[in-house]
């Protein structure tokens, strides 16, 4: 009976530790995914800004040339 109790306690502790590790891993993965999404959004925003700047520069240059 004593042996059974010790085995049960060990199994329970191991299961709890595994569950805790899995939960932590899941949280980390979720955070990483969120960070990646944010980084991707930043890259998209930067690209959009660059495109907008280019369009503005082109329009200004064209207008100046026409005036000259």
C-alpha atoms as a PDB file:
ATOM      1  CA  UNK A   1       0.000   0.000   0.000  1.00  0.00           C
ATOM      2  CA  UNK A   2       2.845   2.350   0.849  1.00  0.00           C
ATOM      3  CA  UNK A   3       4.486   1.598  -2.498  1.00  0.00           C
ATOM      4  CA  UNK A   4       1.241   2.247  -4.355  1.00  0.00           C
ATOM      5  CA  UNK A   5       0.796   5.591  -2.594  1.00  0.00           C
ATOM      6  CA  UNK A   6       4.340   6.648  -3.474  1.00  0.00           C
ATOM      7  CA  UNK A   7       3.857   5.655  -7.107  1.00  0.00           C
ATOM      8  CA  UNK A   8       0.561   7.535  -7.281  1.00  0.00           C
ATOM      9  CA  UNK A   9       2.151  10.651  -5.765  1.00  0.00           C
ATOM     10  CA  UNK A  10       5.044  10.508  -8.226  1.00  0.00           C
ATOM     11  CA  UNK A  11       2.708  10.040 -11.188  1.00  0.00           C
ATOM     12  CA  UNK A  12       0.516  12.927 -10.037  1.00  0.00           C
ATOM     13  CA  UNK A  13       3.508  15.227  -9.559  1.00  0.00           C
ATOM     14  CA  UNK A  14       4.930  14.311 -12.970  1.00  0.00           C
ATOM     15  CA  UNK A  15       1.585  14.868 -14.666  1.00  0.00           C
ATOM     16  CA  UNK A  16       1.203  18.266 -12.965  1.00  0.00           C
ATOM     17  CA  UNK A  17       4.708  19.313 -14.027  1.00  0.00           C
ATOM     18  CA  UNK A  18       4.068  18.216 -17.621  1.00  0.00           C
ATOM     19  CA  UNK A  19       0.766  20.093 -17.710  1.00  0.00           C
ATOM     20  CA  UNK A  20       2.410  23.242 -16.345  1.00  0.00           C
ATOM     21  CA  UNK A  21       5.171  23.027 -18.959  1.00  0.00           C
ATOM     22  CA  UNK A  22       2.666  22.504 -21.759  1.00  0.00           C
ATOM     23  CA  UNK A  23       0.612  25.492 -20.584  1.00  0.00           C
ATOM     24  CA  UNK A  24       3.722  27.680 -20.440  1.00  0.00           C
ATOM     25  CA  UNK A  25       4.763  26.568 -23.916  1.00  0.00           C
ATOM     26  CA  UNK A  26       1.312  27.346 -25.293  1.00  0.00           C
ATOM     27  CA  UNK A  27       1.396  30.819 -23.744  1.00  0.00           C
ATOM     28  CA  UNK A  28       4.862  31.461 -25.167  1.00  0.00           C
ATOM     29  CA  UNK A  29       3.784  30.294 -28.599  1.00  0.00           C
ATOM     30  CA  UNK A  30       0.744  32.570 -28.504  1.00  0.00           C
ATOM     31  CA  UNK A  31       2.887  35.528 -27.463  1.00  0.00           C
ATOM     32  CA  UNK A  32       5.382  34.778 -30.229  1.00  0.00           C
ATOM     33  CA  UNK A  33       2.570  34.609 -32.780  1.00  0.00           C
ATOM     34  CA  UNK A  34       1.237  37.965 -31.589  1.00  0.00           C
ATOM     35  CA  UNK A  35       4.711  39.501 -31.783  1.00  0.00           C
ATOM     36  CA  UNK A  36       5.212  38.118 -35.278  1.00  0.00           C
ATOM     37  CA  UNK A  37       1.860  39.526 -36.365  1.00  0.00           C
ATOM     38  CA  UNK A  38       2.785  42.926 -34.947  1.00  0.00           C
ATOM     39  CA  UNK A  39       6.163  42.841 -36.678  1.00  0.00           C
ATOM     40  CA  UNK A  40       4.515  41.903 -39.969  1.00  0.00           C
ATOM     41  CA  UNK A  41       2.045  44.750 -39.574  1.00  0.00           C
ATOM     42  CA  UNK A  42       4.921  47.152 -38.952  1.00  0.00           C
ATOM     43  CA  UNK A  43       6.624  45.973 -42.138  1.00  0.00           C
ATOM     44  CA  UNK A  44       3.406  46.438 -44.088  1.00  0.00           C
ATOM     45  CA  UNK A  45       2.954  49.921 -42.653  1.00  0.00           C
ATOM     46  CA  UNK A  46       6.531  50.835 -43.561  1.00  0.00           C
ATOM     47  CA  UNK A  47       6.023  49.571 -47.098  1.00  0.00           C
ATOM     48  CA  UNK A  48       2.788  51.528 -47.419  1.00  0.00           C
ATOM     49  CA  UNK A  49       4.517  54.678 -46.173  1.00  0.00           C
ATOM     50  CA  UNK A  50       7.343  54.219 -48.647  1.00  0.00           C
ATOM     51  CA  UNK A  51       4.866  53.782 -51.491  1.00  0.00           C
ATOM     52  CA  UNK A  52       2.930  56.873 -50.469  1.00  0.00           C
ATOM     53  CA  UNK A  53       6.119  58.936 -50.262  1.00  0.00           C
ATOM     54  CA  UNK A  54       7.177  57.787 -53.714  1.00  0.00           C
ATOM     55  CA  UNK A  55       3.803  58.720 -55.188  1.00  0.00           C
ATOM     56  CA  UNK A  56       3.921  62.169 -53.603  1.00  0.00           C
ATOM     57  CA  UNK A  57       7.470  62.791 -54.839  1.00  0.00           C
ATOM     58  CA  UNK A  58       6.547  61.711 -58.356  1.00  0.00           C
ATOM     59  CA  UNK A  59       3.484  63.972 -58.420  1.00  0.00           C
ATOM     60  CA  UNK A  60       5.469  66.940 -57.137  1.00  0.00           C
ATOM     61  CA  UNK A  61       8.249  66.393 -59.656  1.00  0.00           C
ATOM     62  CA  UNK A  62       5.756  66.096 -62.507  1.00  0.00           C
ATOM     63  CA  UNK A  63       3.957  69.282 -61.466  1.00  0.00           C
ATOM     64  CA  UNK A  64       7.221  71.214 -61.171  1.00  0.00           C
ATOM     65  CA  UNK A  65       8.355  70.025 -64.598  1.00  0.00           C
ATOM     66  CA  UNK A  66       5.052  71.098 -66.145  1.00  0.00           C
ATOM     67  CA  UNK A  67       5.289  74.535 -64.557  1.00  0.00           C
ATOM     68  CA  UNK A  68       8.848  75.010 -65.768  1.00  0.00           C
END
